[in-house]
Amino acid sequence: AALVVEFTLAGRSYAGLNGGPNFKPNESVSFQILTEDQEATDRLWNAIVGNGGQESMCGWCKDKWGFNWQITPRRLIE
């Protein structure tokens, strides 16, 4: 398994470190995606939850690998 991976998500660069079985994903780290309309919100939400993820509260969901996402309409931030 890879120790470090680099990836781009929504135009931002990230590096991920494989912490092994002792360091599992949790709510202390999440990815937030700001959406422009309901169609984009639904599309992203359904892509995460519909592919083995699970719903949570207030725009949060978890993907099938245990990473947390905030799918947030930009309008709520404004």
PDB file of N, CA and C in Angstrom:
ATOM      1  N   ALA A   1       0.837  -1.183   0.000  1.00  0.00           N
ATOM      2  CA  ALA A   1       0.000   0.000   0.000  1.00  0.00           C
ATOM      3  C   ALA A   1       0.881   1.245   0.000  1.00  0.00           C
ATOM      4  N   ALA A   2       0.367   2.269  -0.635  1.00  0.00           N
ATOM      5  CA  ALA A   2       1.101   3.536  -0.718  1.00  0.00           C
ATOM      6  C   ALA A   2       1.183   4.194   0.654  1.00  0.00           C
ATOM      7  N   LEU A   3       2.299   4.830   0.929  1.00  0.00           N
ATOM      8  CA  LEU A   3       2.462   5.552   2.177  1.00  0.00           C
ATOM      9  C   LEU A   3       1.920   6.973   2.054  1.00  0.00           C
ATOM     10  N   VAL A   4       2.201   7.625   0.917  1.00  0.00           N
ATOM     11  CA  VAL A   4       1.727   8.987   0.670  1.00  0.00           C
ATOM     12  C   VAL A   4       1.101   9.027  -0.721  1.00  0.00           C
ATOM     13  N   VAL A   5      -0.046   9.669  -0.830  1.00  0.00           N
ATOM     14  CA  VAL A   5      -0.673   9.898  -2.125  1.00  0.00           C
ATOM     15  C   VAL A   5      -0.948  11.386  -2.268  1.00  0.00           C
ATOM     16  N   GLU A   6      -0.798  11.890  -3.476  1.00  0.00           N
ATOM     17  CA  GLU A   6      -1.140  13.266  -3.788  1.00  0.00           C
ATOM     18  C   GLU A   6      -2.322  13.238  -4.733  1.00  0.00           C
ATOM     19  N   PHE A   7      -3.290  14.125  -4.508  1.00  0.00           N
ATOM     20  CA  PHE A   7      -4.468  14.153  -5.361  1.00  0.00           C
ATOM     21  C   PHE A   7      -5.033  15.568  -5.415  1.00  0.00           C
ATOM     22  N   THR A   8      -5.859  15.800  -6.413  1.00  0.00           N
ATOM     23  CA  THR A   8      -6.539  17.086  -6.586  1.00  0.00           C
ATOM     24  C   THR A   8      -8.021  16.840  -6.479  1.00  0.00           C
ATOM     25  N   LEU A   9      -8.681  17.666  -5.696  1.00  0.00           N
ATOM     26  CA  LEU A   9     -10.115  17.552  -5.480  1.00  0.00           C
ATOM     27  C   LEU A   9     -10.718  18.944  -5.594  1.00  0.00           C
ATOM     28  N   ALA A  10     -11.641  19.095  -6.517  1.00  0.00           N
ATOM     29  CA  ALA A  10     -12.299  20.385  -6.744  1.00  0.00           C
ATOM     30  C   ALA A  10     -11.269  21.499  -6.931  1.00  0.00           C
ATOM     31  N   GLY A  11     -10.185  21.190  -7.664  1.00  0.00           N
ATOM     32  CA  GLY A  11      -9.180  22.189  -7.988  1.00  0.00           C
ATOM     33  C   GLY A  11      -8.148  22.465  -6.905  1.00  0.00           C
ATOM     34  N   ARG A  12      -8.209  21.759  -5.790  1.00  0.00           N
ATOM     35  CA  ARG A  12      -7.247  21.951  -4.707  1.00  0.00           C
ATOM     36  C   ARG A  12      -6.366  20.721  -4.570  1.00  0.00           C
ATOM     37  N   SER A  13      -5.089  20.944  -4.318  1.00  0.00           N
ATOM     38  CA  SER A  13      -4.131  19.844  -4.161  1.00  0.00           C
ATOM     39  C   SER A  13      -4.087  19.371  -2.719  1.00  0.00           C
ATOM     40  N   TYR A  14      -3.979  18.056  -2.544  1.00  0.00           N
ATOM     41  CA  TYR A  14      -3.902  17.448  -1.218  1.00  0.00           C
ATOM     42  C   TYR A  14      -2.822  16.376  -1.216  1.00  0.00           C
ATOM     43  N   ALA A  15      -2.331  16.063  -0.036  1.00  0.00           N
ATOM     44  CA  ALA A  15      -1.458  14.915   0.172  1.00  0.00           C
ATOM     45  C   ALA A  15      -2.077  14.101   1.304  1.00  0.00           C
ATOM     46  N   GLY A  16      -2.160  12.809   1.121  1.00  0.00           N
ATOM     47  CA  GLY A  16      -2.710  11.926   2.141  1.00  0.00           C
ATOM     48  C   GLY A  16      -1.633  10.973   2.632  1.00  0.00           C
ATOM     49  N   LEU A  17      -1.580  10.770   3.920  1.00  0.00           N
ATOM     50  CA  LEU A  17      -0.604   9.878   4.536  1.00  0.00           C
ATOM     51  C   LEU A  17      -1.320   8.643   5.050  1.00  0.00           C
ATOM     52  N   ASN A  18      -0.845   7.480   4.677  1.00  0.00           N
ATOM     53  CA  ASN A  18      -1.423   6.224   5.138  1.00  0.00           C
ATOM     54  C   ASN A  18      -0.969   5.986   6.575  1.00  0.00           C
ATOM     55  N   GLY A  19      -1.879   6.130   7.525  1.00  0.00           N
ATOM     56  CA  GLY A  19      -1.556   5.943   8.934  1.00  0.00           C
ATOM     57  C   GLY A  19      -1.734   4.521   9.414  1.00  0.00           C
ATOM     58  N   GLY A  20      -2.089   3.611   8.500  1.00  0.00           N
ATOM     59  CA  GLY A  20      -2.276   2.220   8.887  1.00  0.00           C
ATOM     60  C   GLY A  20      -3.544   2.019   9.700  1.00  0.00           C
ATOM     61  N   PRO A  21      -3.724   0.840  10.259  1.00  0.00           N
ATOM     62  CA  PRO A  21      -4.964   0.507  10.951  1.00  0.00           C
ATOM     63  C   PRO A  21      -5.165   1.256  12.273  1.00  0.00           C
ATOM     64  N   ASN A  22      -4.130   1.881  12.797  1.00  0.00           N
ATOM     65  CA  ASN A  22      -4.265   2.602  14.067  1.00  0.00           C
ATOM     66  C   ASN A  22      -4.836   4.002  13.908  1.00  0.00           C
ATOM     67  N   PHE A  23      -4.852   4.531  12.699  1.00  0.00           N
ATOM     68  CA  PHE A  23      -5.319   5.896  12.461  1.00  0.00           C
ATOM     69  C   PHE A  23      -6.385   5.882  11.380  1.00  0.00           C
ATOM     70  N   LYS A  24      -7.606   5.670  11.795  1.00  0.00           N
ATOM     71  CA  LYS A  24      -8.736   5.594  10.861  1.00  0.00           C
ATOM     72  C   LYS A  24      -9.345   6.975  10.660  1.00  0.00           C
ATOM     73  N   PRO A  25      -9.998   7.211   9.494  1.00  0.00           N
ATOM     74  CA  PRO A  25     -10.658   8.494   9.259  1.00  0.00           C
ATOM     75  C   PRO A  25     -11.712   8.757  10.341  1.00  0.00           C
ATOM     76  N   ASN A  26     -11.844  10.029  10.730  1.00  0.00           N
ATOM     77  CA  ASN A  26     -12.886  10.418  11.683  1.00  0.00           C
ATOM     78  C   ASN A  26     -13.343  11.844  11.379  1.00  0.00           C
ATOM     79  N   GLU A  27     -14.271  12.346  12.170  1.00  0.00           N
ATOM     80  CA  GLU A  27     -14.869  13.643  11.905  1.00  0.00           C
ATOM     81  C   GLU A  27     -13.930  14.827  12.124  1.00  0.00           C
ATOM     82  N   SER A  28     -12.723  14.601  12.638  1.00  0.00           N
ATOM     83  CA  SER A  28     -11.801  15.717  12.833  1.00  0.00           C
ATOM     84  C   SER A  28     -11.284  16.270  11.504  1.00  0.00           C
ATOM     85  N   VAL A  29     -11.441  15.506  10.429  1.00  0.00           N
ATOM     86  CA  VAL A  29     -11.058  15.965   9.096  1.00  0.00           C
ATOM     87  C   VAL A  29     -12.224  15.678   8.161  1.00  0.00           C
ATOM     88  N   SER A  30     -12.595  16.669   7.383  1.00  0.00           N
ATOM     89  CA  SER A  30     -13.643  16.466   6.385  1.00  0.00           C
ATOM     90  C   SER A  30     -13.325  17.289   5.148  1.00  0.00           C
ATOM     91  N   PHE A  31     -13.940  16.918   4.062  1.00  0.00           N
ATOM     92  CA  PHE A  31     -13.850  17.675   2.824  1.00  0.00           C
ATOM     93  C   PHE A  31     -15.139  18.462   2.683  1.00  0.00           C
ATOM     94  N   GLN A  32     -15.026  19.758   2.399  1.00  0.00           N
ATOM     95  CA  GLN A  32     -16.216  20.575   2.185  1.00  0.00           C
ATOM     96  C   GLN A  32     -16.255  20.977   0.724  1.00  0.00           C
ATOM     97  N   ILE A  33     -17.384  20.720   0.104  1.00  0.00           N
ATOM     98  CA  ILE A  33     -17.611  21.120  -1.276  1.00  0.00           C
ATOM     99  C   ILE A  33     -18.765  22.120  -1.272  1.00  0.00           C
ATOM    100  N   LEU A  34     -18.501  23.322  -1.780  1.00  0.00           N
ATOM    101  CA  LEU A  34     -19.553  24.330  -1.901  1.00  0.00           C
ATOM    102  C   LEU A  34     -20.232  24.152  -3.254  1.00  0.00           C
ATOM    103  N   THR A  35     -21.544  24.082  -3.243  1.00  0.00           N
ATOM    104  CA  THR A  35     -22.305  23.880  -4.474  1.00  0.00           C
ATOM    105  C   THR A  35     -23.063  25.143  -4.839  1.00  0.00           C
ATOM    106  N   GLU A  36     -23.337  25.279  -6.123  1.00  0.00           N
ATOM    107  CA  GLU A  36     -24.006  26.483  -6.627  1.00  0.00           C
ATOM    108  C   GLU A  36     -25.517  26.358  -6.676  1.00  0.00           C
ATOM    109  N   ASP A  37     -26.036  25.130  -6.756  1.00  0.00           N
ATOM    110  CA  ASP A  37     -27.480  24.957  -6.849  1.00  0.00           C
ATOM    111  C   ASP A  37     -27.874  23.579  -6.319  1.00  0.00           C
ATOM    112  N   GLN A  38     -29.167  23.354  -6.245  1.00  0.00           N
ATOM    113  CA  GLN A  38     -29.667  22.092  -5.698  1.00  0.00           C
ATOM    114  C   GLN A  38     -29.257  20.902  -6.544  1.00  0.00           C
ATOM    115  N   GLU A  39     -29.196  21.089  -7.853  1.00  0.00           N
ATOM    116  CA  GLU A  39     -28.798  19.998  -8.744  1.00  0.00           C
ATOM    117  C   GLU A  39     -27.378  19.523  -8.418  1.00  0.00           C
ATOM    118  N   ALA A  40     -26.456  20.455  -8.219  1.00  0.00           N
ATOM    119  CA  ALA A  40     -25.076  20.089  -7.874  1.00  0.00           C
ATOM    120  C   ALA A  40     -25.018  19.438  -6.489  1.00  0.00           C
ATOM    121  N   THR A  41     -25.782  19.966  -5.548  1.00  0.00           N
ATOM    122  CA  THR A  41     -25.828  19.399  -4.200  1.00  0.00           C
ATOM    123  C   THR A  41     -26.303  17.958  -4.252  1.00  0.00           C
ATOM    124  N   ASP A  42     -27.399  17.721  -4.939  1.00  0.00           N
ATOM    125  CA  ASP A  42     -27.954  16.370  -5.055  1.00  0.00           C
ATOM    126  C   ASP A  42     -27.001  15.429  -5.782  1.00  0.00           C
ATOM    127  N   ARG A  43     -26.364  15.905  -6.842  1.00  0.00           N
ATOM    128  CA  ARG A  43     -25.463  15.059  -7.623  1.00  0.00           C
ATOM    129  C   ARG A  43     -24.290  14.577  -6.773  1.00  0.00           C
ATOM    130  N   LEU A  44     -23.662  15.494  -6.040  1.00  0.00           N
ATOM    131  CA  LEU A  44     -22.517  15.110  -5.207  1.00  0.00           C
ATOM    132  C   LEU A  44     -22.951  14.226  -4.047  1.00  0.00           C
ATOM    133  N   TRP A  45     -24.025  14.615  -3.379  1.00  0.00           N
ATOM    134  CA  TRP A  45     -24.541  13.828  -2.248  1.00  0.00           C
ATOM    135  C   TRP A  45     -24.845  12.400  -2.694  1.00  0.00           C
ATOM    136  N   ASN A  46     -25.572  12.277  -3.794  1.00  0.00           N
ATOM    137  CA  ASN A  46     -25.954  10.953  -4.282  1.00  0.00           C
ATOM    138  C   ASN A  46     -24.748  10.139  -4.739  1.00  0.00           C
ATOM    139  N   ALA A  47     -23.724  10.791  -5.270  1.00  0.00           N
ATOM    140  CA  ALA A  47     -22.515  10.084  -5.688  1.00  0.00           C
ATOM    141  C   ALA A  47     -21.799   9.482  -4.482  1.00  0.00           C
ATOM    142  N   ILE A  48     -21.782  10.203  -3.372  1.00  0.00           N
ATOM    143  CA  ILE A  48     -21.098   9.708  -2.177  1.00  0.00           C
ATOM    144  C   ILE A  48     -21.946   8.665  -1.456  1.00  0.00           C
ATOM    145  N   VAL A  49     -23.169   9.013  -1.138  1.00  0.00           N
ATOM    146  CA  VAL A  49     -24.046   8.114  -0.376  1.00  0.00           C
ATOM    147  C   VAL A  49     -24.458   6.906  -1.218  1.00  0.00           C
ATOM    148  N   GLY A  50     -24.681   7.118  -2.502  1.00  0.00           N
ATOM    149  CA  GLY A  50     -25.145   6.045  -3.377  1.00  0.00           C
ATOM    150  C   GLY A  50     -24.086   5.029  -3.745  1.00  0.00           C
ATOM    151  N   ASN A  51     -22.851   5.296  -3.410  1.00  0.00           N
ATOM    152  CA  ASN A  51     -21.756   4.376  -3.733  1.00  0.00           C
ATOM    153  C   ASN A  51     -21.143   3.784  -2.477  1.00  0.00           C
ATOM    154  N   GLY A  52     -21.984   3.382  -1.552  1.00  0.00           N
ATOM    155  CA  GLY A  52     -21.502   2.717  -0.351  1.00  0.00           C
ATOM    156  C   GLY A  52     -21.304   3.624   0.846  1.00  0.00           C
ATOM    157  N   GLY A  53     -21.659   4.914   0.713  1.00  0.00           N
ATOM    158  CA  GLY A  53     -21.521   5.840   1.825  1.00  0.00           C
ATOM    159  C   GLY A  53     -22.732   5.808   2.731  1.00  0.00           C
ATOM    160  N   GLN A  54     -22.773   6.757   3.650  1.00  0.00           N
ATOM    161  CA  GLN A  54     -23.929   6.840   4.538  1.00  0.00           C
ATOM    162  C   GLN A  54     -24.231   8.295   4.868  1.00  0.00           C
ATOM    163  N   GLU A  55     -25.499   8.565   5.078  1.00  0.00           N
ATOM    164  CA  GLU A  55     -25.963   9.907   5.411  1.00  0.00           C
ATOM    165  C   GLU A  55     -25.657  10.250   6.858  1.00  0.00           C
ATOM    166  N   SER A  56     -25.515  11.541   7.106  1.00  0.00           N
ATOM    167  CA  SER A  56     -25.403  12.047   8.459  1.00  0.00           C
ATOM    168  C   SER A  56     -26.307  13.266   8.547  1.00  0.00           C
ATOM    169  N   MET A  57     -26.019  14.192   9.455  1.00  0.00           N
ATOM    170  CA  MET A  57     -26.884  15.357   9.645  1.00  0.00           C
ATOM    171  C   MET A  57     -26.270  16.622   9.057  1.00  0.00           C
ATOM    172  N   CYS A  58     -27.129  17.588   8.771  1.00  0.00           N
ATOM    173  CA  CYS A  58     -26.717  18.958   8.418  1.00  0.00           C
ATOM    174  C   CYS A  58     -25.765  19.022   7.232  1.00  0.00           C
ATOM    175  N   GLY A  59     -26.024  18.252   6.186  1.00  0.00           N
ATOM    176  CA  GLY A  59     -25.193  18.298   4.993  1.00  0.00           C
ATOM    177  C   GLY A  59     -23.937  17.450   5.058  1.00  0.00           C
ATOM    178  N   TRP A  60     -23.777  16.674   6.114  1.00  0.00           N
ATOM    179  CA  TRP A  60     -22.615  15.805   6.234  1.00  0.00           C
ATOM    180  C   TRP A  60     -22.971  14.404   5.764  1.00  0.00           C
ATOM    181  N   CYS A  61     -21.993  13.750   5.150  1.00  0.00           N
ATOM    182  CA  CYS A  61     -22.130  12.345   4.808  1.00  0.00           C
ATOM    183  C   CYS A  61     -20.742  11.719   4.861  1.00  0.00           C
ATOM    184  N   LYS A  62     -20.712  10.413   4.777  1.00  0.00           N
ATOM    185  CA  LYS A  62     -19.459   9.675   4.880  1.00  0.00           C
ATOM    186  C   LYS A  62     -19.363   8.766   3.664  1.00  0.00           C
ATOM    187  N   ASP A  63     -18.191   8.736   3.028  1.00  0.00           N
ATOM    188  CA  ASP A  63     -18.041   7.863   1.862  1.00  0.00           C
ATOM    189  C   ASP A  63     -17.721   6.430   2.303  1.00  0.00           C
ATOM    190  N   LYS A  64     -17.621   5.532   1.335  1.00  0.00           N
ATOM    191  CA  LYS A  64     -17.439   4.118   1.655  1.00  0.00           C
ATOM    192  C   LYS A  64     -16.099   3.812   2.307  1.00  0.00           C
ATOM    193  N   TRP A  65     -15.164   4.754   2.277  1.00  0.00           N
ATOM    194  CA  TRP A  65     -13.862   4.550   2.929  1.00  0.00           C
ATOM    195  C   TRP A  65     -13.810   5.178   4.317  1.00  0.00           C
ATOM    196  N   GLY A  66     -14.917   5.832   4.724  1.00  0.00           N
ATOM    197  CA  GLY A  66     -14.980   6.421   6.055  1.00  0.00           C
ATOM    198  C   GLY A  66     -14.603   7.883   6.133  1.00  0.00           C
ATOM    199  N   PHE A  67     -14.360   8.527   4.978  1.00  0.00           N
ATOM    200  CA  PHE A  67     -14.036   9.952   4.983  1.00  0.00           C
ATOM    201  C   PHE A  67     -15.308  10.779   5.010  1.00  0.00           C
ATOM    202  N   ASN A  68     -15.267  11.870   5.756  1.00  0.00           N
ATOM    203  CA  ASN A  68     -16.432  12.733   5.947  1.00  0.00           C
ATOM    204  C   ASN A  68     -16.447  13.877   4.946  1.00  0.00           C
ATOM    205  N   TRP A  69     -17.645  14.190   4.479  1.00  0.00           N
ATOM    206  CA  TRP A  69     -17.865  15.237   3.486  1.00  0.00           C
ATOM    207  C   TRP A  69     -18.939  16.182   3.978  1.00  0.00           C
ATOM    208  N   GLN A  70     -18.759  17.452   3.672  1.00  0.00           N
ATOM    209  CA  GLN A  70     -19.790  18.461   3.886  1.00  0.00           C
ATOM    210  C   GLN A  70     -20.190  18.970   2.501  1.00  0.00           C
ATOM    211  N   ILE A  71     -21.383  18.648   2.087  1.00  0.00           N
ATOM    212  CA  ILE A  71     -21.891  19.121   0.803  1.00  0.00           C
ATOM    213  C   ILE A  71     -22.763  20.329   1.126  1.00  0.00           C
ATOM    214  N   THR A  72     -22.232  21.515   0.884  1.00  0.00           N
ATOM    215  CA  THR A  72     -22.830  22.754   1.401  1.00  0.00           C
ATOM    216  C   THR A  72     -23.181  23.722   0.283  1.00  0.00           C
ATOM    217  N   PRO A  73     -24.453  24.071   0.162  1.00  0.00           N
ATOM    218  CA  PRO A  73     -24.800  25.111  -0.809  1.00  0.00           C
ATOM    219  C   PRO A  73     -24.104  26.430  -0.429  1.00  0.00           C
ATOM    220  N   ARG A  74     -23.446  27.048  -1.393  1.00  0.00           N
ATOM    221  CA  ARG A  74     -22.735  28.298  -1.173  1.00  0.00           C
ATOM    222  C   ARG A  74     -23.641  29.346  -0.530  1.00  0.00           C
ATOM    223  N   ARG A  75     -24.902  29.305  -0.879  1.00  0.00           N
ATOM    224  CA  ARG A  75     -25.884  30.260  -0.364  1.00  0.00           C
ATOM    225  C   ARG A  75     -25.959  30.227   1.173  1.00  0.00           C
ATOM    226  N   LEU A  76     -25.750  29.070   1.770  1.00  0.00           N
ATOM    227  CA  LEU A  76     -25.787  28.967   3.235  1.00  0.00           C
ATOM    228  C   LEU A  76     -24.611  29.680   3.888  1.00  0.00           C
ATOM    229  N   ILE A  77     -23.472  29.692   3.216  1.00  0.00           N
ATOM    230  CA  ILE A  77     -22.293  30.353   3.748  1.00  0.00           C
ATOM    231  C   ILE A  77     -22.453  31.871   3.682  1.00  0.00           C
ATOM    232  N   GLU A  78     -23.061  32.317   2.597  1.00  0.00           N
ATOM    233  CA  GLU A  78     -23.252  33.756   2.408  1.00  0.00           C
ATOM    234  C   GLU A  78     -24.256  34.294   3.393  1.00  0.00           C
TER     235      GLU A  78
END
